[in-house]
PDB file of N, CA and C in Angstrom:
ATOM      1  N   UNK A   1      73.025 -16.231-147.185  1.00  0.00           N
ATOM      2  CA  UNK A   1      72.383 -16.432-145.879  1.00  0.00           C
ATOM      3  C   UNK A   1      73.027 -17.680-145.323  1.00  0.00           C
ATOM      4  N   UNK A   2      73.049 -18.720-146.018  1.00  0.00           N
ATOM      5  CA  UNK A   2      73.711 -19.988-145.570  1.00  0.00           C
ATOM      6  C   UNK A   2      75.172 -19.880-145.084  1.00  0.00           C
ATOM      7  N   UNK A   3      75.884 -19.057-145.916  1.00  0.00           N
ATOM      8  CA  UNK A   3      77.317 -18.873-145.597  1.00  0.00           C
ATOM      9  C   UNK A   3      77.369 -18.046-144.324  1.00  0.00           C
ATOM     10  N   UNK A   4      76.658 -17.103-144.154  1.00  0.00           N
ATOM     11  CA  UNK A   4      76.702 -16.278-142.847  1.00  0.00           C
ATOM     12  C   UNK A   4      76.375 -17.069-141.611  1.00  0.00           C
ATOM     13  N   UNK A   5      75.298 -18.046-141.853  1.00  0.00           N
ATOM     14  CA  UNK A   5      75.002 -18.970-140.718  1.00  0.00           C
ATOM     15  C   UNK A   5      76.216 -20.039-140.433  1.00  0.00           C
ATOM     16  N   UNK A   6      76.777 -20.374-141.506  1.00  0.00           N
ATOM     17  CA  UNK A   6      77.899 -21.243-141.453  1.00  0.00           C
ATOM     18  C   UNK A   6      79.039 -20.723-140.619  1.00  0.00           C
ATOM     19  N   UNK A   7      79.331 -19.315-141.015  1.00  0.00           N
ATOM     20  CA  UNK A   7      80.377 -18.563-140.424  1.00  0.00           C
ATOM     21  C   UNK A   7      80.063 -18.316-138.834  1.00  0.00           C
ATOM     22  N   UNK A   8      78.797 -17.908-138.600  1.00  0.00           N
ATOM     23  CA  UNK A   8      78.465 -17.696-137.249  1.00  0.00           C
ATOM     24  C   UNK A   8      78.481 -18.978-136.337  1.00  0.00           C
ATOM     25  N   UNK A   9      78.073 -20.171-136.965  1.00  0.00           N
ATOM     26  CA  UNK A   9      78.187 -21.360-136.285  1.00  0.00           C
ATOM     27  C   UNK A   9      79.706 -21.747-135.998  1.00  0.00           C
ATOM     28  N   UNK A  10      80.527 -21.426-136.903  1.00  0.00           N
ATOM     29  CA  UNK A  10      81.952 -21.735-136.717  1.00  0.00           C
ATOM     30  C   UNK A  10      82.596 -20.815-135.612  1.00  0.00           C
ATOM     31  N   UNK A  11      82.058 -19.585-135.511  1.00  0.00           N
ATOM     32  CA  UNK A  11      82.554 -18.649-134.549  1.00  0.00           C
ATOM     33  C   UNK A  11      82.046 -19.082-133.093  1.00  0.00           C
ATOM     34  N   UNK A  12      80.788 -19.417-133.174  1.00  0.00           N
ATOM     35  CA  UNK A  12      80.122 -20.007-131.889  1.00  0.00           C
ATOM     36  C   UNK A  12      80.999 -21.170-131.338  1.00  0.00           C
ATOM     37  N   UNK A  13      81.233 -22.129-132.277  1.00  0.00           N
ATOM     38  CA  UNK A  13      81.889 -23.354-131.826  1.00  0.00           C
ATOM     39  C   UNK A  13      83.416 -23.009-131.299  1.00  0.00           C
ATOM     40  N   UNK A  14      84.046 -22.085-131.986  1.00  0.00           N
ATOM     41  CA  UNK A  14      85.396 -21.757-131.566  1.00  0.00           C
ATOM     42  C   UNK A  14      85.428 -21.034-130.238  1.00  0.00           C
ATOM     43  N   UNK A  15      84.474 -20.161-130.079  1.00  0.00           N
ATOM     44  CA  UNK A  15      84.308 -19.521-128.674  1.00  0.00           C
ATOM     45  C   UNK A  15      83.940 -20.468-127.655  1.00  0.00           C
ATOM     46  N   UNK A  16      83.154 -21.329-127.970  1.00  0.00           N
ATOM     47  CA  UNK A  16      82.574 -22.324-126.940  1.00  0.00           C
ATOM     48  C   UNK A  16      83.829 -23.157-126.558  1.00  0.00           C
ATOM     49  N   UNK A  17      84.598 -23.620-127.573  1.00  0.00           N
ATOM     50  CA  UNK A  17      85.719 -24.485-127.336  1.00  0.00           C
ATOM     51  C   UNK A  17      86.795 -23.781-126.441  1.00  0.00           C
ATOM     52  N   UNK A  18      86.974 -22.425-126.807  1.00  0.00           N
ATOM     53  CA  UNK A  18      87.943 -21.738-126.000  1.00  0.00           C
ATOM     54  C   UNK A  18      87.437 -21.510-124.539  1.00  0.00           C
ATOM     55  N   UNK A  19      86.124 -21.271-124.363  1.00  0.00           N
ATOM     56  CA  UNK A  19      85.654 -21.196-122.938  1.00  0.00           C
ATOM     57  C   UNK A  19      85.782 -22.464-122.191  1.00  0.00           C
ATOM     58  N   UNK A  20      85.391 -23.662-122.882  1.00  0.00           N
ATOM     59  CA  UNK A  20      85.506 -24.837-122.221  1.00  0.00           C
ATOM     60  C   UNK A  20      86.884 -25.359-121.922  1.00  0.00           C
ATOM     61  N   UNK A  21      87.862 -24.956-122.839  1.00  0.00           N
ATOM     62  CA  UNK A  21      89.249 -25.226-122.631  1.00  0.00           C
ATOM     63  C   UNK A  21      89.747 -24.604-121.331  1.00  0.00           C
ATOM     64  N   UNK A  22      89.306 -23.282-121.166  1.00  0.00           N
ATOM     65  CA  UNK A  22      89.762 -22.637-120.007  1.00  0.00           C
ATOM     66  C   UNK A  22      89.047 -23.152-118.679  1.00  0.00           C
ATOM     67  N   UNK A  23      87.661 -23.476-118.727  1.00  0.00           N
ATOM     68  CA  UNK A  23      86.893 -23.922-117.779  1.00  0.00           C
ATOM     69  C   UNK A  23      87.252 -25.287-117.306  1.00  0.00           C
ATOM     70  N   UNK A  24      87.546 -26.207-118.169  1.00  0.00           N
ATOM     71  CA  UNK A  24      87.587 -27.604-117.853  1.00  0.00           C
ATOM     72  C   UNK A  24      89.151 -28.155-118.072  1.00  0.00           C
ATOM     73  N   UNK A  25      90.107 -27.236-118.023  1.00  0.00           N
ATOM     74  CA  UNK A  25      91.438 -27.589-118.166  1.00  0.00           C
ATOM     75  C   UNK A  25      92.060 -28.725-117.330  1.00  0.00           C
ATOM     76  N   UNK A  26      91.484 -28.705-116.231  1.00  0.00           N
ATOM     77  CA  UNK A  26      91.967 -29.783-115.140  1.00  0.00           C
ATOM     78  C   UNK A  26      91.166 -30.997-115.298  1.00  0.00           C
ATOM     79  N   UNK A  27      90.211 -31.060-116.072  1.00  0.00           N
ATOM     80  CA  UNK A  27      89.322 -32.308-116.181  1.00  0.00           C
ATOM     81  C   UNK A  27      89.565 -33.129-117.417  1.00  0.00           C
ATOM     82  N   UNK A  28      90.704 -32.931-118.204  1.00  0.00           N
ATOM     83  CA  UNK A  28      90.921 -33.619-119.304  1.00  0.00           C
ATOM     84  C   UNK A  28      90.130 -33.332-120.494  1.00  0.00           C
ATOM     85  N   UNK A  29      89.799 -32.067-120.533  1.00  0.00           N
ATOM     86  CA  UNK A  29      88.902 -31.661-121.682  1.00  0.00           C
ATOM     87  C   UNK A  29      89.645 -31.933-123.051  1.00  0.00           C
ATOM     88  N   UNK A  30      88.984 -32.508-123.981  1.00  0.00           N
ATOM     89  CA  UNK A  30      89.606 -32.714-125.349  1.00  0.00           C
ATOM     90  C   UNK A  30      88.759 -32.248-126.558  1.00  0.00           C
ATOM     91  N   UNK A  31      87.617 -31.682-126.227  1.00  0.00           N
ATOM     92  CA  UNK A  31      86.971 -31.190-127.427  1.00  0.00           C
ATOM     93  C   UNK A  31      85.494 -31.049-127.194  1.00  0.00           C
ATOM     94  N   UNK A  32      84.720 -30.542-128.165  1.00  0.00           N
ATOM     95  CA  UNK A  32      83.332 -30.422-127.941  1.00  0.00           C
ATOM     96  C   UNK A  32      82.724 -30.573-129.359  1.00  0.00           C
ATOM     97  N   UNK A  33      81.541 -31.164-129.197  1.00  0.00           N
ATOM     98  CA  UNK A  33      80.624 -31.455-130.399  1.00  0.00           C
ATOM     99  C   UNK A  33      79.323 -30.708-130.302  1.00  0.00           C
ATOM    100  N   UNK A  34      78.949 -30.078-131.261  1.00  0.00           N
ATOM    101  CA  UNK A  34      77.574 -29.407-131.104  1.00  0.00           C
ATOM    102  C   UNK A  34      76.539 -29.964-132.200  1.00  0.00           C
ATOM    103  N   UNK A  35      75.394 -30.361-131.622  1.00  0.00           N
ATOM    104  CA  UNK A  35      74.307 -30.818-132.621  1.00  0.00           C
ATOM    105  C   UNK A  35      73.069 -29.892-132.368  1.00  0.00           C
ATOM    106  N   UNK A  36      72.594 -29.285-133.425  1.00  0.00           N
ATOM    107  CA  UNK A  36      71.634 -28.407-133.419  1.00  0.00           C
ATOM    108  C   UNK A  36      70.317 -29.206-134.083  1.00  0.00           C
ATOM    109  N   UNK A  37      69.305 -29.153-133.159  1.00  0.00           N
ATOM    110  CA  UNK A  37      67.968 -29.715-133.600  1.00  0.00           C
ATOM    111  C   UNK A  37      66.945 -28.529-133.580  1.00  0.00           C
ATOM    112  N   UNK A  38      65.827 -28.747-134.179  1.00  0.00           N
ATOM    113  CA  UNK A  38      64.805 -27.688-134.154  1.00  0.00           C
ATOM    114  C   UNK A  38      64.482 -27.096-132.832  1.00  0.00           C
ATOM    115  N   UNK A  39      64.431 -27.866-132.002  1.00  0.00           N
ATOM    116  CA  UNK A  39      64.079 -27.538-130.571  1.00  0.00           C
ATOM    117  C   UNK A  39      65.150 -27.161-129.526  1.00  0.00           C
ATOM    118  N   UNK A  40      66.319 -27.612-129.840  1.00  0.00           N
ATOM    119  CA  UNK A  40      67.369 -27.331-128.853  1.00  0.00           C
ATOM    120  C   UNK A  40      68.801 -27.495-129.461  1.00  0.00           C
ATOM    121  N   UNK A  41      69.790 -26.962-128.744  1.00  0.00           N
ATOM    122  CA  UNK A  41      71.105 -27.178-129.152  1.00  0.00           C
ATOM    123  C   UNK A  41      71.774 -28.172-128.146  1.00  0.00           C
ATOM    124  N   UNK A  42      72.373 -29.222-128.533  1.00  0.00           N
ATOM    125  CA  UNK A  42      73.136 -30.145-127.774  1.00  0.00           C
ATOM    126  C   UNK A  42      74.555 -30.004-127.923  1.00  0.00           C
ATOM    127  N   UNK A  43      75.234 -29.829-126.747  1.00  0.00           N
ATOM    128  CA  UNK A  43      76.635 -29.678-126.561  1.00  0.00           C
ATOM    129  C   UNK A  43      77.264 -30.807-125.854  1.00  0.00           C
ATOM    130  N   UNK A  44      78.016 -31.635-126.620  1.00  0.00           N
ATOM    131  CA  UNK A  44      78.628 -32.873-126.071  1.00  0.00           C
ATOM    132  C   UNK A  44      80.097 -32.519-125.781  1.00  0.00           C
ATOM    133  N   UNK A  45      80.460 -32.614-124.401  1.00  0.00           N
ATOM    134  CA  UNK A  45      81.826 -32.301-123.928  1.00  0.00           C
ATOM    135  C   UNK A  45      82.597 -33.652-123.914  1.00  0.00           C
ATOM    136  N   UNK A  46      83.725 -33.565-124.563  1.00  0.00           N
ATOM    137  CA  UNK A  46      84.656 -34.700-124.537  1.00  0.00           C
ATOM    138  C   UNK A  46      85.700 -34.473-123.408  1.00  0.00           C
ATOM    139  N   UNK A  47      85.792 -35.366-122.460  1.00  0.00           N
ATOM    140  CA  UNK A  47      86.722 -35.043-121.350  1.00  0.00           C
ATOM    141  C   UNK A  47      87.048 -36.466-120.726  1.00  0.00           C
ATOM    142  N   UNK A  48      88.282 -36.560-120.209  1.00  0.00           N
ATOM    143  CA  UNK A  48      88.584 -37.865-119.489  1.00  0.00           C
ATOM    144  C   UNK A  48      88.072 -37.941-118.142  1.00  0.00           C
ATOM    145  N   UNK A  49      87.869 -36.850-117.323  1.00  0.00           N
ATOM    146  CA  UNK A  49      87.372 -36.942-116.099  1.00  0.00           C
ATOM    147  C   UNK A  49      85.828 -36.488-116.076  1.00  0.00           C
ATOM    148  N   UNK A  50      85.002 -37.266-116.557  1.00  0.00           N
ATOM    149  CA  UNK A  50      83.576 -36.828-116.746  1.00  0.00           C
ATOM    150  C   UNK A  50      82.867 -36.629-115.431  1.00  0.00           C
ATOM    151  N   UNK A  51      83.321 -37.398-114.386  1.00  0.00           N
ATOM    152  CA  UNK A  51      82.619 -37.121-113.110  1.00  0.00           C
ATOM    153  C   UNK A  51      82.905 -35.735-112.574  1.00  0.00           C
ATOM    154  N   UNK A  52      84.159 -35.180-112.837  1.00  0.00           N
ATOM    155  CA  UNK A  52      84.435 -33.834-112.486  1.00  0.00           C
ATOM    156  C   UNK A  52      83.698 -32.806-113.197  1.00  0.00           C
ATOM    157  N   UNK A  53      83.474 -33.079-114.510  1.00  0.00           N
ATOM    158  CA  UNK A  53      82.777 -32.148-115.426  1.00  0.00           C
ATOM    159  C   UNK A  53      81.278 -32.152-114.891  1.00  0.00           C
ATOM    160  N   UNK A  54      80.723 -33.278-114.458  1.00  0.00           N
ATOM    161  CA  UNK A  54      79.411 -33.334-114.061  1.00  0.00           C
ATOM    162  C   UNK A  54      79.180 -32.609-112.677  1.00  0.00           C
ATOM    163  N   UNK A  55      80.228 -32.838-111.878  1.00  0.00           N
ATOM    164  CA  UNK A  55      80.063 -32.397-110.465  1.00  0.00           C
ATOM    165  C   UNK A  55      79.139 -33.134-109.631  1.00  0.00           C
ATOM    166  N   UNK A  56      79.147 -32.764-108.385  1.00  0.00           N
ATOM    167  CA  UNK A  56      78.379 -33.430-107.297  1.00  0.00           C
ATOM    168  C   UNK A  56      76.880 -33.259-107.692  1.00  0.00           C
ATOM    169  N   UNK A  57      76.260 -34.295-107.796  1.00  0.00           N
ATOM    170  CA  UNK A  57      74.805 -34.382-108.173  1.00  0.00           C
ATOM    171  C   UNK A  57      74.410 -33.571-109.407  1.00  0.00           C
ATOM    172  N   UNK A  58      75.440 -33.519-110.267  1.00  0.00           N
ATOM    173  CA  UNK A  58      75.236 -32.780-111.534  1.00  0.00           C
ATOM    174  C   UNK A  58      75.189 -31.243-111.495  1.00  0.00           C
ATOM    175  N   UNK A  59      75.756 -30.723-110.378  1.00  0.00           N
ATOM    176  CA  UNK A  59      75.730 -29.325-110.161  1.00  0.00           C
ATOM    177  C   UNK A  59      76.575 -28.520-111.114  1.00  0.00           C
ATOM    178  N   UNK A  60      77.762 -29.016-111.301  1.00  0.00           N
ATOM    179  CA  UNK A  60      78.695 -28.312-112.218  1.00  0.00           C
ATOM    180  C   UNK A  60      78.160 -28.237-113.727  1.00  0.00           C
ATOM    181  N   UNK A  61      77.598 -29.316-114.154  1.00  0.00           N
ATOM    182  CA  UNK A  61      77.112 -29.319-115.583  1.00  0.00           C
ATOM    183  C   UNK A  61      75.886 -28.372-115.633  1.00  0.00           C
ATOM    184  N   UNK A  62      75.057 -28.266-114.630  1.00  0.00           N
ATOM    185  CA  UNK A  62      73.962 -27.339-114.669  1.00  0.00           C
ATOM    186  C   UNK A  62      74.507 -25.739-114.686  1.00  0.00           C
ATOM    187  N   UNK A  63      75.547 -25.533-113.913  1.00  0.00           N
ATOM    188  CA  UNK A  63      76.239 -24.350-113.946  1.00  0.00           C
ATOM    189  C   UNK A  63      76.805 -24.023-115.201  1.00  0.00           C
ATOM    190  N   UNK A  64      77.412 -24.938-115.868  1.00  0.00           N
ATOM    191  CA  UNK A  64      78.029 -24.790-117.204  1.00  0.00           C
ATOM    192  C   UNK A  64      76.974 -24.431-118.232  1.00  0.00           C
ATOM    193  N   UNK A  65      75.892 -25.247-118.124  1.00  0.00           N
ATOM    194  CA  UNK A  65      74.794 -24.955-119.094  1.00  0.00           C
ATOM    195  C   UNK A  65      74.241 -23.563-118.896  1.00  0.00           C
ATOM    196  N   UNK A  66      73.977 -23.169-117.714  1.00  0.00           N
ATOM    197  CA  UNK A  66      73.529 -21.761-117.451  1.00  0.00           C
ATOM    198  C   UNK A  66      74.436 -20.766-118.049  1.00  0.00           C
ATOM    199  N   UNK A  67      75.742 -20.888-117.705  1.00  0.00           N
ATOM    200  CA  UNK A  67      76.808 -19.882-118.304  1.00  0.00           C
ATOM    201  C   UNK A  67      76.754 -19.903-119.850  1.00  0.00           C
ATOM    202  N   UNK A  68      76.610 -21.035-120.435  1.00  0.00           N
ATOM    203  CA  UNK A  68      76.708 -21.086-121.963  1.00  0.00           C
ATOM    204  C   UNK A  68      75.442 -20.377-122.485  1.00  0.00           C
ATOM    205  N   UNK A  69      74.273 -20.757-121.928  1.00  0.00           N
ATOM    206  CA  UNK A  69      73.018 -20.157-122.406  1.00  0.00           C
ATOM    207  C   UNK A  69      73.069 -18.651-122.285  1.00  0.00           C
ATOM    208  N   UNK A  70      73.591 -18.195-121.131  1.00  0.00           N
ATOM    209  CA  UNK A  70      73.686 -16.653-120.872  1.00  0.00           C
ATOM    210  C   UNK A  70      74.693 -15.974-121.815  1.00  0.00           C
ATOM    211  N   UNK A  71      75.871 -16.588-121.935  1.00  0.00           N
ATOM    212  CA  UNK A  71      76.954 -15.976-122.570  1.00  0.00           C
ATOM    213  C   UNK A  71      76.713 -15.900-124.035  1.00  0.00           C
ATOM    214  N   UNK A  72      76.048 -16.934-124.649  1.00  0.00           N
ATOM    215  CA  UNK A  72      75.876 -17.018-126.102  1.00  0.00           C
ATOM    216  C   UNK A  72      74.432 -16.658-126.468  1.00  0.00           C
ATOM    217  N   UNK A  73      73.523 -16.165-125.643  1.00  0.00           N
ATOM    218  CA  UNK A  73      72.348 -15.733-125.853  1.00  0.00           C
ATOM    219  C   UNK A  73      71.221 -16.680-126.292  1.00  0.00           C
ATOM    220  N   UNK A  74      71.360 -17.917-125.672  1.00  0.00           N
ATOM    221  CA  UNK A  74      70.315 -18.863-126.044  1.00  0.00           C
ATOM    222  C   UNK A  74      69.067 -18.742-125.045  1.00  0.00           C
ATOM    223  N   UNK A  75      67.899 -19.065-125.604  1.00  0.00           N
ATOM    224  CA  UNK A  75      66.759 -18.890-124.654  1.00  0.00           C
ATOM    225  C   UNK A  75      66.896 -20.047-123.627  1.00  0.00           C
ATOM    226  N   UNK A  76      66.335 -19.814-122.388  1.00  0.00           N
ATOM    227  CA  UNK A  76      66.519 -20.677-121.211  1.00  0.00           C
ATOM    228  C   UNK A  76      65.852 -22.023-121.637  1.00  0.00           C
ATOM    229  N   UNK A  77      66.493 -23.093-121.354  1.00  0.00           N
ATOM    230  CA  UNK A  77      65.931 -24.406-121.572  1.00  0.00           C
ATOM    231  C   UNK A  77      66.206 -24.891-123.023  1.00  0.00           C
ATOM    232  N   UNK A  78      66.888 -24.086-123.808  1.00  0.00           N
ATOM    233  CA  UNK A  78      67.204 -24.619-125.259  1.00  0.00           C
ATOM    234  C   UNK A  78      68.464 -25.245-125.512  1.00  0.00           C
ATOM    235  N   UNK A  79      69.327 -25.269-124.389  1.00  0.00           N
ATOM    236  CA  UNK A  79      70.575 -25.922-124.547  1.00  0.00           C
ATOM    237  C   UNK A  79      70.693 -27.053-123.575  1.00  0.00           C
ATOM    238  N   UNK A  80      71.287 -28.204-124.025  1.00  0.00           N
ATOM    239  CA  UNK A  80      71.500 -29.382-123.280  1.00  0.00           C
ATOM    240  C   UNK A  80      73.116 -29.635-123.295  1.00  0.00           C
ATOM    241  N   UNK A  81      73.684 -29.693-122.134  1.00  0.00           N
ATOM    242  CA  UNK A  81      75.141 -29.998-122.161  1.00  0.00           C
ATOM    243  C   UNK A  81      75.393 -31.380-121.605  1.00  0.00           C
TER     244      UNK A  81
END
């Protein structure tokens, strides 16, 4: 059980990294950190142009959050980017 969770976490992180690499290529994307708590999953994006990643009034980061939730099957409100 632990091993399968470990493998699925690894697959999730690899797919998330691939998605963000494509999505944030022009924003100096350099990696992602994932922290899982009992109530939510925190995704920390490492990039040089953080203002571009956030977008005007945080719009882009909200869009990215929604896409990640939908694409990876997280319940709404359980992911923080």
